[in-house]
Amino acid sequence: MGKIKENTTYKEGDVVVYGSQGICRITGTEKMRVGGKSTVYFILNPVYRKNSKIFVPSDNEKLMEKMHSVIEKDEIDELIRNAAEDTSEWIENDAERKDFFKSALASGDRGKIINVIKTIRLHKTEREDSGKRLHQSDEAFLKEAEALIYEEFAVVLGIEPVKVLDYIMDEISKL
């Protein structure tokens, strides 16, 4: 569990995850002619970035593979349970760590993304306890990972993204 589900039967009003853009609502479709070819495009509006609009050609398999249905609440609860049990080790080599984080985020695997969040947050706490700051690149990975997970969880749970960490911590305390 945790891997993003494939679904190619989307319709107007559906809420989806679109790659690193995060949570989007499908607001319609539009037939457009690009490069001499007429194609139907899905029109996506990012839920948490109001002034953006994304056009996804329905006949472009690679771009369509970036669009996935959001998960269910029971899947969130399972991801939280699994994250509580997972052990994560900090990768000391900067280049290896960046590659690992980048790969985890690109995979779309929610379990891996949550592991990135957990790993960086634990390391951040250790650094702060010794009077140091987190490296800027690690902070950027944390921000991106949290946006991907917190936005999706927030939509499913009906809460604001800033409340998701509290929800996760509360659920972990019940384990």
N, C-alpha and C. Protein backbone atom coordinates (compact mmCIF):
# COMPACT_ATOMS: atom_id res chain seq x y z
N MET A 1 0.84 -1.18 0.00
CA MET A 1 0.00 0.00 0.00
C MET A 1 0.88 1.23 0.00
N GLY A 2 0.33 2.37 -0.41
CA GLY A 2 1.10 3.58 -0.43
C GLY A 2 1.45 4.04 -1.83
N LYS A 3 1.55 3.11 -2.76
CA LYS A 3 1.83 3.47 -4.15
C LYS A 3 0.58 4.11 -4.71
N ILE A 4 0.74 5.16 -5.46
CA ILE A 4 -0.40 5.87 -6.03
C ILE A 4 -1.13 4.98 -7.01
N LYS A 5 -2.46 4.96 -6.88
CA LYS A 5 -3.29 4.13 -7.74
C LYS A 5 -3.44 4.73 -9.13
N GLU A 6 -3.45 3.85 -10.10
CA GLU A 6 -3.68 4.29 -11.48
C GLU A 6 -5.19 4.39 -11.72
N ASN A 7 -5.60 5.40 -12.45
CA ASN A 7 -7.01 5.56 -12.79
C ASN A 7 -7.08 6.49 -13.98
N THR A 8 -7.63 6.01 -15.07
CA THR A 8 -7.71 6.86 -16.26
C THR A 8 -9.14 7.26 -16.60
N THR A 9 -10.06 7.04 -15.69
CA THR A 9 -11.46 7.40 -15.95
C THR A 9 -11.82 8.63 -15.12
N TYR A 10 -11.27 9.76 -15.50
CA TYR A 10 -11.48 11.00 -14.76
C TYR A 10 -12.63 11.78 -15.37
N LYS A 11 -13.27 12.57 -14.49
CA LYS A 11 -14.36 13.42 -14.97
C LYS A 11 -14.31 14.76 -14.24
N GLU A 12 -15.04 15.72 -14.76
CA GLU A 12 -15.10 17.04 -14.16
C GLU A 12 -15.53 16.93 -12.70
N GLY A 13 -14.84 17.66 -11.83
CA GLY A 13 -15.14 17.64 -10.40
C GLY A 13 -14.27 16.70 -9.60
N ASP A 14 -13.61 15.74 -10.27
CA ASP A 14 -12.73 14.81 -9.55
C ASP A 14 -11.55 15.58 -8.94
N VAL A 15 -11.14 15.12 -7.77
CA VAL A 15 -9.94 15.65 -7.13
C VAL A 15 -8.85 14.61 -7.34
N VAL A 16 -7.70 15.06 -7.87
CA VAL A 16 -6.61 14.15 -8.21
C VAL A 16 -5.28 14.71 -7.69
N VAL A 17 -4.29 13.84 -7.65
CA VAL A 17 -2.91 14.27 -7.41
C VAL A 17 -2.27 14.34 -8.79
N TYR A 18 -1.62 15.47 -9.10
CA TYR A 18 -0.95 15.58 -10.38
C TYR A 18 0.54 15.85 -10.15
N GLY A 19 1.31 14.79 -10.20
CA GLY A 19 2.76 14.88 -10.04
C GLY A 19 3.15 15.74 -8.86
N SER A 20 4.15 16.56 -9.05
CA SER A 20 4.62 17.42 -7.97
C SER A 20 3.76 18.68 -7.81
N GLN A 21 2.75 18.83 -8.67
CA GLN A 21 1.82 19.96 -8.55
C GLN A 21 0.88 19.78 -7.36
N GLY A 22 0.74 18.54 -6.92
CA GLY A 22 -0.10 18.27 -5.76
C GLY A 22 -1.56 18.07 -6.12
N ILE A 23 -2.42 18.47 -5.20
CA ILE A 23 -3.85 18.23 -5.31
C ILE A 23 -4.48 19.22 -6.30
N CYS A 24 -5.22 18.66 -7.26
CA CYS A 24 -5.89 19.47 -8.27
C CYS A 24 -7.33 19.00 -8.43
N ARG A 25 -8.19 19.92 -8.82
CA ARG A 25 -9.57 19.58 -9.16
C ARG A 25 -9.68 19.67 -10.68
N ILE A 26 -10.29 18.65 -11.27
CA ILE A 26 -10.53 18.68 -12.71
C ILE A 26 -11.75 19.57 -12.94
N THR A 27 -11.52 20.68 -13.63
CA THR A 27 -12.61 21.64 -13.83
C THR A 27 -13.26 21.52 -15.20
N GLY A 28 -12.74 20.60 -16.01
CA GLY A 28 -13.36 20.38 -17.31
C GLY A 28 -12.37 19.81 -18.30
N THR A 29 -12.83 19.75 -19.54
CA THR A 29 -11.98 19.33 -20.64
C THR A 29 -12.14 20.34 -21.76
N GLU A 30 -11.13 20.41 -22.60
CA GLU A 30 -11.19 21.34 -23.72
C GLU A 30 -10.45 20.71 -24.89
N LYS A 31 -11.08 20.76 -26.06
CA LYS A 31 -10.44 20.26 -27.26
C LYS A 31 -9.62 21.40 -27.85
N MET A 32 -8.32 21.13 -28.01
CA MET A 32 -7.43 22.16 -28.56
C MET A 32 -6.62 21.57 -29.71
N ARG A 33 -6.26 22.45 -30.60
CA ARG A 33 -5.44 22.05 -31.74
C ARG A 33 -4.03 22.56 -31.50
N VAL A 34 -3.10 21.63 -31.34
CA VAL A 34 -1.70 21.97 -31.10
C VAL A 34 -0.84 21.20 -32.10
N GLY A 35 0.01 21.91 -32.81
CA GLY A 35 0.89 21.25 -33.79
C GLY A 35 0.13 20.52 -34.87
N GLY A 36 -1.01 21.05 -35.26
CA GLY A 36 -1.80 20.44 -36.32
C GLY A 36 -2.62 19.24 -35.87
N LYS A 37 -2.60 18.94 -34.59
CA LYS A 37 -3.31 17.78 -34.07
C LYS A 37 -4.34 18.24 -33.04
N SER A 38 -5.56 17.75 -33.16
CA SER A 38 -6.62 18.08 -32.23
C SER A 38 -6.65 17.06 -31.09
N THR A 39 -6.59 17.55 -29.85
CA THR A 39 -6.53 16.69 -28.68
C THR A 39 -7.42 17.24 -27.59
N VAL A 40 -8.01 16.34 -26.82
CA VAL A 40 -8.79 16.74 -25.65
C VAL A 40 -7.83 16.87 -24.46
N TYR A 41 -7.91 18.00 -23.78
CA TYR A 41 -7.07 18.28 -22.61
C TYR A 41 -7.93 18.31 -21.36
N PHE A 42 -7.42 17.71 -20.28
CA PHE A 42 -8.04 17.87 -18.97
C PHE A 42 -7.55 19.21 -18.44
N ILE A 43 -8.46 19.97 -17.84
CA ILE A 43 -8.11 21.24 -17.23
C ILE A 43 -8.07 21.03 -15.72
N LEU A 44 -6.89 21.21 -15.12
CA LEU A 44 -6.70 21.00 -13.69
C LEU A 44 -6.43 22.33 -13.01
N ASN A 45 -7.07 22.53 -11.88
CA ASN A 45 -6.80 23.71 -11.05
C ASN A 45 -6.24 23.23 -9.72
N PRO A 46 -4.97 23.56 -9.42
CA PRO A 46 -4.41 23.18 -8.12
C PRO A 46 -5.25 23.76 -6.98
N VAL A 47 -5.61 22.92 -6.04
CA VAL A 47 -6.48 23.32 -4.94
C VAL A 47 -5.83 24.37 -4.06
N TYR A 48 -4.54 24.25 -3.81
CA TYR A 48 -3.86 25.17 -2.89
C TYR A 48 -3.04 26.24 -3.60
N ARG A 49 -3.15 26.34 -4.91
CA ARG A 49 -2.50 27.39 -5.68
C ARG A 49 -3.56 27.92 -6.65
N LYS A 50 -4.37 28.81 -6.14
CA LYS A 50 -5.59 29.23 -6.80
C LYS A 50 -5.42 29.83 -8.20
N ASN A 51 -4.33 30.49 -8.48
CA ASN A 51 -4.19 31.19 -9.76
C ASN A 51 -3.50 30.36 -10.83
N SER A 52 -3.42 29.05 -10.62
CA SER A 52 -2.75 28.19 -11.59
C SER A 52 -3.77 27.36 -12.36
N LYS A 53 -3.39 26.98 -13.55
CA LYS A 53 -4.21 26.12 -14.38
C LYS A 53 -3.26 25.21 -15.15
N ILE A 54 -3.58 23.93 -15.18
CA ILE A 54 -2.73 22.95 -15.85
C ILE A 54 -3.56 22.26 -16.93
N PHE A 55 -2.99 22.14 -18.11
CA PHE A 55 -3.65 21.45 -19.21
C PHE A 55 -2.90 20.15 -19.47
N VAL A 56 -3.63 19.03 -19.37
CA VAL A 56 -3.01 17.72 -19.55
C VAL A 56 -3.64 17.03 -20.77
N PRO A 57 -2.86 16.79 -21.82
CA PRO A 57 -3.41 16.13 -23.01
C PRO A 57 -3.80 14.68 -22.69
N SER A 58 -5.05 14.36 -22.98
CA SER A 58 -5.57 13.04 -22.63
C SER A 58 -4.91 11.91 -23.41
N ASP A 59 -4.26 12.25 -24.53
CA ASP A 59 -3.62 11.20 -25.33
C ASP A 59 -2.12 11.07 -25.07
N ASN A 60 -1.62 11.82 -24.07
CA ASN A 60 -0.20 11.74 -23.71
C ASN A 60 -0.06 10.83 -22.49
N GLU A 61 0.32 9.59 -22.75
CA GLU A 61 0.38 8.57 -21.69
C GLU A 61 1.32 8.99 -20.56
N LYS A 62 2.45 9.55 -20.90
CA LYS A 62 3.43 9.94 -19.87
C LYS A 62 2.86 11.00 -18.93
N LEU A 63 2.19 12.00 -19.49
CA LEU A 63 1.59 13.04 -18.64
C LEU A 63 0.37 12.54 -17.90
N MET A 64 -0.40 11.68 -18.52
CA MET A 64 -1.58 11.10 -17.85
C MET A 64 -1.18 10.21 -16.67
N GLU A 65 -0.01 9.58 -16.77
CA GLU A 65 0.47 8.73 -15.68
C GLU A 65 0.79 9.53 -14.42
N LYS A 66 0.96 10.84 -14.57
CA LYS A 66 1.22 11.70 -13.42
C LYS A 66 -0.06 12.02 -12.64
N MET A 67 -1.21 11.72 -13.23
CA MET A 67 -2.50 12.05 -12.62
C MET A 67 -3.06 10.80 -11.94
N HIS A 68 -3.35 10.94 -10.63
CA HIS A 68 -3.82 9.81 -9.84
C HIS A 68 -4.96 10.23 -8.92
N SER A 69 -5.81 9.28 -8.61
CA SER A 69 -6.88 9.53 -7.64
C SER A 69 -6.28 9.71 -6.26
N VAL A 70 -6.95 10.51 -5.42
CA VAL A 70 -6.51 10.66 -4.04
C VAL A 70 -6.83 9.37 -3.28
N ILE A 71 -6.15 9.16 -2.17
CA ILE A 71 -6.34 7.95 -1.38
C ILE A 71 -7.56 8.07 -0.47
N GLU A 72 -7.90 6.99 0.19
CA GLU A 72 -9.01 6.95 1.14
C GLU A 72 -8.47 7.10 2.56
N LYS A 73 -9.34 7.42 3.51
CA LYS A 73 -8.92 7.62 4.90
C LYS A 73 -8.27 6.37 5.48
N ASP A 74 -8.80 5.19 5.18
CA ASP A 74 -8.20 3.98 5.75
C ASP A 74 -6.77 3.78 5.25
N GLU A 75 -6.49 4.24 4.03
CA GLU A 75 -5.13 4.16 3.51
C GLU A 75 -4.21 5.13 4.23
N ILE A 76 -4.73 6.31 4.59
CA ILE A 76 -3.96 7.27 5.38
C ILE A 76 -3.59 6.65 6.72
N ASP A 77 -4.57 6.05 7.37
CA ASP A 77 -4.32 5.43 8.68
C ASP A 77 -3.28 4.32 8.58
N GLU A 78 -3.33 3.53 7.51
CA GLU A 78 -2.33 2.48 7.32
C GLU A 78 -0.95 3.06 7.07
N LEU A 79 -0.87 4.12 6.29
CA LEU A 79 0.41 4.78 6.05
C LEU A 79 1.01 5.31 7.36
N ILE A 80 0.16 5.87 8.21
CA ILE A 80 0.63 6.39 9.50
C ILE A 80 1.15 5.25 10.37
N ARG A 81 0.41 4.15 10.42
CA ARG A 81 0.86 2.99 11.21
C ARG A 81 2.21 2.49 10.69
N ASN A 82 2.33 2.36 9.38
CA ASN A 82 3.58 1.88 8.79
C ASN A 82 4.73 2.85 9.06
N ALA A 83 4.46 4.15 8.99
CA ALA A 83 5.51 5.15 9.24
C ALA A 83 5.99 5.08 10.68
N ALA A 84 5.08 4.82 11.60
CA ALA A 84 5.45 4.74 13.01
C ALA A 84 6.39 3.56 13.25
N GLU A 85 6.22 2.50 12.47
CA GLU A 85 7.04 1.29 12.63
C GLU A 85 8.35 1.35 11.85
N ASP A 86 8.39 2.13 10.78
CA ASP A 86 9.58 2.20 9.94
C ASP A 86 10.76 2.82 10.68
N THR A 87 11.91 2.26 10.45
CA THR A 87 13.14 2.87 10.95
C THR A 87 13.82 3.54 9.77
N SER A 88 14.33 4.70 10.00
CA SER A 88 14.98 5.41 8.92
C SER A 88 16.36 5.87 9.38
N GLU A 89 17.31 5.75 8.48
CA GLU A 89 18.67 6.17 8.79
C GLU A 89 19.06 7.34 7.91
N TRP A 90 19.77 8.28 8.51
CA TRP A 90 20.24 9.44 7.78
C TRP A 90 21.38 9.04 6.85
N ILE A 91 21.33 9.49 5.63
CA ILE A 91 22.40 9.23 4.66
C ILE A 91 23.38 10.40 4.76
N GLU A 92 24.58 10.13 5.21
CA GLU A 92 25.57 11.19 5.45
C GLU A 92 26.08 11.83 4.17
N ASN A 93 26.26 11.05 3.11
CA ASN A 93 26.77 11.57 1.85
C ASN A 93 25.70 12.46 1.19
N ASP A 94 26.03 13.74 1.01
CA ASP A 94 25.06 14.72 0.48
C ASP A 94 24.48 14.31 -0.87
N ALA A 95 25.34 13.90 -1.80
CA ALA A 95 24.88 13.55 -3.14
C ALA A 95 23.97 12.32 -3.10
N GLU A 96 24.35 11.30 -2.33
CA GLU A 96 23.52 10.09 -2.22
C GLU A 96 22.18 10.41 -1.57
N ARG A 97 22.21 11.26 -0.55
CA ARG A 97 20.98 11.63 0.15
C ARG A 97 20.04 12.39 -0.79
N LYS A 98 20.58 13.35 -1.55
CA LYS A 98 19.76 14.11 -2.49
C LYS A 98 19.14 13.19 -3.54
N ASP A 99 19.94 12.27 -4.06
CA ASP A 99 19.42 11.32 -5.05
C ASP A 99 18.31 10.46 -4.45
N PHE A 100 18.51 10.00 -3.22
CA PHE A 100 17.51 9.17 -2.54
C PHE A 100 16.21 9.95 -2.35
N PHE A 101 16.30 11.18 -1.83
CA PHE A 101 15.11 11.99 -1.60
C PHE A 101 14.40 12.32 -2.91
N LYS A 102 15.18 12.70 -3.91
CA LYS A 102 14.61 13.05 -5.22
C LYS A 102 13.87 11.86 -5.82
N SER A 103 14.48 10.69 -5.74
CA SER A 103 13.86 9.47 -6.25
C SER A 103 12.58 9.12 -5.50
N ALA A 104 12.62 9.27 -4.18
CA ALA A 104 11.44 8.97 -3.36
C ALA A 104 10.27 9.88 -3.72
N LEU A 105 10.55 11.17 -3.88
CA LEU A 105 9.48 12.12 -4.21
C LEU A 105 8.94 11.87 -5.61
N ALA A 106 9.84 11.57 -6.55
CA ALA A 106 9.42 11.33 -7.93
C ALA A 106 8.64 10.03 -8.07
N SER A 107 8.85 9.09 -7.17
CA SER A 107 8.20 7.78 -7.27
C SER A 107 6.69 7.86 -7.08
N GLY A 108 6.25 8.88 -6.33
CA GLY A 108 4.82 8.97 -6.03
C GLY A 108 4.38 8.00 -4.95
N ASP A 109 5.30 7.23 -4.42
CA ASP A 109 4.98 6.25 -3.37
C ASP A 109 4.84 7.00 -2.05
N ARG A 110 3.61 7.06 -1.54
CA ARG A 110 3.34 7.84 -0.35
C ARG A 110 4.14 7.35 0.85
N GLY A 111 4.34 6.04 0.95
CA GLY A 111 5.13 5.49 2.04
C GLY A 111 6.55 6.00 2.01
N LYS A 112 7.13 6.05 0.82
CA LYS A 112 8.51 6.57 0.67
C LYS A 112 8.56 8.06 0.99
N ILE A 113 7.54 8.79 0.55
CA ILE A 113 7.52 10.24 0.79
C ILE A 113 7.38 10.51 2.29
N ILE A 114 6.54 9.75 2.97
CA ILE A 114 6.40 9.91 4.42
C ILE A 114 7.71 9.56 5.12
N ASN A 115 8.42 8.56 4.62
CA ASN A 115 9.71 8.20 5.19
C ASN A 115 10.71 9.34 5.04
N VAL A 116 10.66 10.03 3.91
CA VAL A 116 11.52 11.20 3.70
C VAL A 116 11.20 12.26 4.76
N ILE A 117 9.92 12.52 4.98
CA ILE A 117 9.51 13.51 5.97
C ILE A 117 10.02 13.11 7.35
N LYS A 118 9.80 11.87 7.72
CA LYS A 118 10.21 11.38 9.03
C LYS A 118 11.72 11.48 9.19
N THR A 119 12.46 11.03 8.19
CA THR A 119 13.93 11.05 8.25
C THR A 119 14.46 12.47 8.41
N ILE A 120 13.96 13.38 7.60
CA ILE A 120 14.45 14.76 7.67
C ILE A 120 14.04 15.43 8.98
N ARG A 121 12.80 15.21 9.41
CA ARG A 121 12.35 15.82 10.67
C ARG A 121 13.18 15.33 11.86
N LEU A 122 13.49 14.03 11.90
CA LEU A 122 14.32 13.50 12.98
C LEU A 122 15.72 14.13 12.95
N HIS A 123 16.28 14.22 11.75
CA HIS A 123 17.61 14.82 11.61
C HIS A 123 17.57 16.31 11.97
N LYS A 124 16.51 16.97 11.58
CA LYS A 124 16.36 18.40 11.89
C LYS A 124 16.35 18.61 13.41
N THR A 125 15.64 17.76 14.12
CA THR A 125 15.59 17.85 15.58
C THR A 125 16.98 17.65 16.18
N GLU A 126 17.70 16.65 15.68
CA GLU A 126 19.07 16.41 16.16
C GLU A 126 19.96 17.63 15.92
N ARG A 127 19.86 18.21 14.74
CA ARG A 127 20.68 19.38 14.41
C ARG A 127 20.32 20.57 15.31
N GLU A 128 19.02 20.79 15.50
CA GLU A 128 18.60 21.91 16.34
C GLU A 128 19.03 21.73 17.79
N ASP A 129 18.98 20.48 18.27
CA ASP A 129 19.42 20.19 19.63
C ASP A 129 20.90 20.49 19.84
N SER A 130 21.69 20.42 18.76
CA SER A 130 23.11 20.73 18.87
C SER A 130 23.42 22.15 18.37
N GLY A 131 22.37 22.97 18.24
CA GLY A 131 22.54 24.37 17.86
C GLY A 131 22.84 24.59 16.39
N LYS A 132 22.52 23.61 15.55
CA LYS A 132 22.79 23.72 14.12
C LYS A 132 21.48 23.75 13.34
N ARG A 133 21.60 24.20 12.10
CA ARG A 133 20.43 24.25 11.21
C ARG A 133 20.51 23.14 10.19
N LEU A 134 19.37 22.82 9.64
CA LEU A 134 19.28 21.83 8.58
C LEU A 134 19.85 22.42 7.30
N HIS A 135 20.51 21.60 6.48
CA HIS A 135 21.02 22.09 5.20
C HIS A 135 19.85 22.57 4.34
N GLN A 136 20.10 23.57 3.54
CA GLN A 136 19.06 24.19 2.72
C GLN A 136 18.40 23.18 1.78
N SER A 137 19.19 22.30 1.17
CA SER A 137 18.60 21.32 0.23
C SER A 137 17.70 20.34 0.97
N ASP A 138 18.08 19.95 2.19
CA ASP A 138 17.23 19.05 2.97
C ASP A 138 15.93 19.74 3.37
N GLU A 139 16.04 21.01 3.71
CA GLU A 139 14.85 21.81 4.04
C GLU A 139 13.91 21.88 2.84
N ALA A 140 14.47 22.04 1.63
CA ALA A 140 13.65 22.10 0.42
C ALA A 140 12.96 20.77 0.15
N PHE A 141 13.68 19.66 0.35
CA PHE A 141 13.05 18.35 0.18
C PHE A 141 11.93 18.14 1.20
N LEU A 142 12.16 18.57 2.44
CA LEU A 142 11.14 18.45 3.47
C LEU A 142 9.89 19.24 3.09
N LYS A 143 10.09 20.46 2.64
CA LYS A 143 8.96 21.31 2.25
C LYS A 143 8.15 20.68 1.11
N GLU A 144 8.85 20.16 0.11
CA GLU A 144 8.17 19.54 -1.03
C GLU A 144 7.43 18.27 -0.61
N ALA A 145 8.08 17.44 0.19
CA ALA A 145 7.46 16.19 0.65
C ALA A 145 6.23 16.48 1.50
N GLU A 146 6.35 17.44 2.41
CA GLU A 146 5.22 17.78 3.27
C GLU A 146 4.06 18.34 2.45
N ALA A 147 4.35 19.16 1.47
CA ALA A 147 3.28 19.70 0.63
C ALA A 147 2.54 18.57 -0.08
N LEU A 148 3.28 17.63 -0.65
CA LEU A 148 2.64 16.51 -1.36
C LEU A 148 1.73 15.70 -0.44
N ILE A 149 2.23 15.35 0.72
CA ILE A 149 1.47 14.50 1.64
C ILE A 149 0.40 15.29 2.38
N TYR A 150 0.75 16.43 2.95
CA TYR A 150 -0.19 17.17 3.78
C TYR A 150 -1.38 17.68 2.97
N GLU A 151 -1.14 18.11 1.74
CA GLU A 151 -2.25 18.59 0.92
C GLU A 151 -3.23 17.48 0.61
N GLU A 152 -2.71 16.31 0.25
CA GLU A 152 -3.60 15.20 -0.07
C GLU A 152 -4.35 14.73 1.18
N PHE A 153 -3.63 14.55 2.28
CA PHE A 153 -4.27 14.12 3.52
C PHE A 153 -5.34 15.12 3.93
N ALA A 154 -5.04 16.42 3.80
CA ALA A 154 -5.99 17.47 4.20
C ALA A 154 -7.29 17.37 3.42
N VAL A 155 -7.19 17.16 2.11
CA VAL A 155 -8.39 17.04 1.28
C VAL A 155 -9.22 15.84 1.71
N VAL A 156 -8.55 14.71 1.92
CA VAL A 156 -9.26 13.47 2.30
C VAL A 156 -9.87 13.60 3.69
N LEU A 157 -9.13 14.20 4.63
CA LEU A 157 -9.59 14.30 6.01
C LEU A 157 -10.51 15.49 6.27
N GLY A 158 -10.59 16.41 5.31
CA GLY A 158 -11.43 17.59 5.48
C GLY A 158 -10.87 18.58 6.48
N ILE A 159 -9.53 18.69 6.53
CA ILE A 159 -8.87 19.63 7.43
C ILE A 159 -7.90 20.49 6.63
N GLU A 160 -7.38 21.53 7.26
CA GLU A 160 -6.38 22.37 6.61
C GLU A 160 -5.03 21.66 6.60
N PRO A 161 -4.22 21.88 5.57
CA PRO A 161 -2.90 21.23 5.50
C PRO A 161 -2.04 21.45 6.75
N VAL A 162 -2.14 22.62 7.38
CA VAL A 162 -1.33 22.90 8.57
C VAL A 162 -1.74 22.05 9.77
N LYS A 163 -2.90 21.42 9.71
CA LYS A 163 -3.39 20.57 10.80
C LYS A 163 -3.02 19.10 10.61
N VAL A 164 -2.45 18.75 9.46
CA VAL A 164 -2.17 17.35 9.15
C VAL A 164 -1.11 16.75 10.08
N LEU A 165 -0.06 17.49 10.35
CA LEU A 165 0.98 16.96 11.25
C LEU A 165 0.39 16.64 12.62
N ASP A 166 -0.47 17.53 13.13
CA ASP A 166 -1.14 17.26 14.42
C ASP A 166 -1.97 15.98 14.34
N TYR A 167 -2.68 15.82 13.24
CA TYR A 167 -3.49 14.61 13.04
C TYR A 167 -2.59 13.37 13.07
N ILE A 168 -1.49 13.42 12.33
CA ILE A 168 -0.57 12.27 12.26
C ILE A 168 -0.02 11.96 13.65
N MET A 169 0.43 12.99 14.36
CA MET A 169 1.01 12.77 15.69
C MET A 169 -0.03 12.21 16.66
N ASP A 170 -1.26 12.69 16.55
CA ASP A 170 -2.34 12.19 17.40
C ASP A 170 -2.62 10.71 17.11
N GLU A 171 -2.64 10.35 15.83
CA GLU A 171 -2.87 8.95 15.45
C GLU A 171 -1.71 8.05 15.91
N ILE A 172 -0.49 8.54 15.83
CA ILE A 172 0.66 7.76 16.27
C ILE A 172 0.60 7.54 17.78
N SER A 173 0.14 8.55 18.52
CA SER A 173 0.06 8.44 19.99
C SER A 173 -0.97 7.38 20.41
N LYS A 174 -1.90 7.06 19.53
CA LYS A 174 -2.92 6.05 19.82
C LYS A 174 -2.44 4.64 19.58
N LEU A 175 -1.29 4.49 18.91
CA LEU A 175 -0.78 3.17 18.57
C LEU A 175 -0.17 2.46 19.77
